[in-house]
Amino acid sequence: MSPQISCEYDSTKDVTLYRCDPGNRYYDLRVGDFLILYPCDAYCPCISVGANSTVEKIVIKVPC
């Protein structure tokens, strides 16, 4: 099942927004952990559980 798009691709921001589905997987990352996501993986960044914490995201686009 493909994620549902909530905002079509915006070339000025280089982003497409998707709706978060409660049935999605969640990954519990701790300090020092990282996660690699591929272009086919829709994701909801900056979600924290419990106490608020700083979430940093780096996007690296590699031409295939």
Protein backbone atom coordinates (compact mmCIF):
# COMPACT_ATOMS: atom_id res chain seq x y z
CA MET A 1 0.00 0.00 0.00
CA SER A 2 1.49 3.34 -1.05
CA PRO A 3 1.52 6.29 1.35
CA GLN A 4 -1.12 8.95 0.64
CA ILE A 5 0.22 12.27 -0.59
CA SER A 6 -1.02 15.30 1.37
CA CYS A 7 0.93 17.89 -0.68
CA GLU A 8 2.24 17.32 -4.19
CA TYR A 9 5.93 17.72 -5.03
CA ASP A 10 7.22 21.27 -4.50
CA SER A 11 10.30 21.81 -6.68
CA THR A 12 11.32 24.98 -4.80
CA LYS A 13 11.60 23.02 -1.53
CA ASP A 14 12.40 19.66 -3.20
CA VAL A 15 9.80 17.91 -1.05
CA THR A 16 6.58 15.90 -1.25
CA LEU A 17 4.48 15.62 1.91
CA TYR A 18 2.61 12.45 2.89
CA ARG A 19 -0.04 11.66 5.49
CA CYS A 20 1.25 9.74 8.50
CA ASP A 21 -0.52 6.40 8.78
CA PRO A 22 -0.94 5.00 12.32
CA GLY A 23 -0.11 1.56 10.89
CA ASN A 24 3.41 2.66 9.91
CA ARG A 25 6.55 1.34 11.55
CA TYR A 26 8.24 3.45 14.16
CA TYR A 27 11.92 3.19 15.01
CA ASP A 28 13.06 4.03 18.52
CA LEU A 29 16.40 5.76 18.07
CA ARG A 30 18.62 6.63 20.99
CA VAL A 31 21.50 9.08 21.31
CA GLY A 32 24.19 8.11 18.80
CA ASP A 33 21.84 6.00 16.63
CA PHE A 34 21.11 6.74 13.00
CA LEU A 35 18.70 5.41 10.41
CA ILE A 36 19.13 5.23 6.65
CA LEU A 37 15.97 5.65 4.60
CA TYR A 38 15.70 5.19 0.86
CA PRO A 39 13.68 7.31 -1.61
CA CYS A 40 10.80 4.82 -1.53
CA ASP A 41 10.54 5.16 2.28
CA ALA A 42 8.10 7.86 3.34
CA TYR A 43 8.87 9.15 6.82
CA CYS A 44 7.58 11.52 9.50
CA PRO A 45 10.60 13.40 10.83
CA CYS A 46 11.04 14.96 14.26
CA ILE A 47 8.68 12.74 16.22
CA SER A 48 9.80 12.30 19.82
CA VAL A 49 8.47 9.98 22.51
CA GLY A 50 8.40 11.07 26.14
CA ALA A 51 10.37 14.18 27.04
CA ASN A 52 10.98 16.64 24.23
CA SER A 53 14.35 16.25 22.62
CA THR A 54 16.26 17.69 19.71
CA VAL A 55 15.98 15.66 16.52
CA GLU A 56 18.48 16.36 13.77
CA LYS A 57 17.96 15.28 10.18
CA ILE A 58 20.47 15.22 7.35
CA VAL A 59 19.38 14.59 3.78
CA ILE A 60 21.99 13.40 1.33
CA LYS A 61 20.81 12.85 -2.24
CA VAL A 62 22.95 10.50 -4.28
CA PRO A 63 22.22 10.24 -8.00
CA CYS A 64 21.49 6.67 -9.01
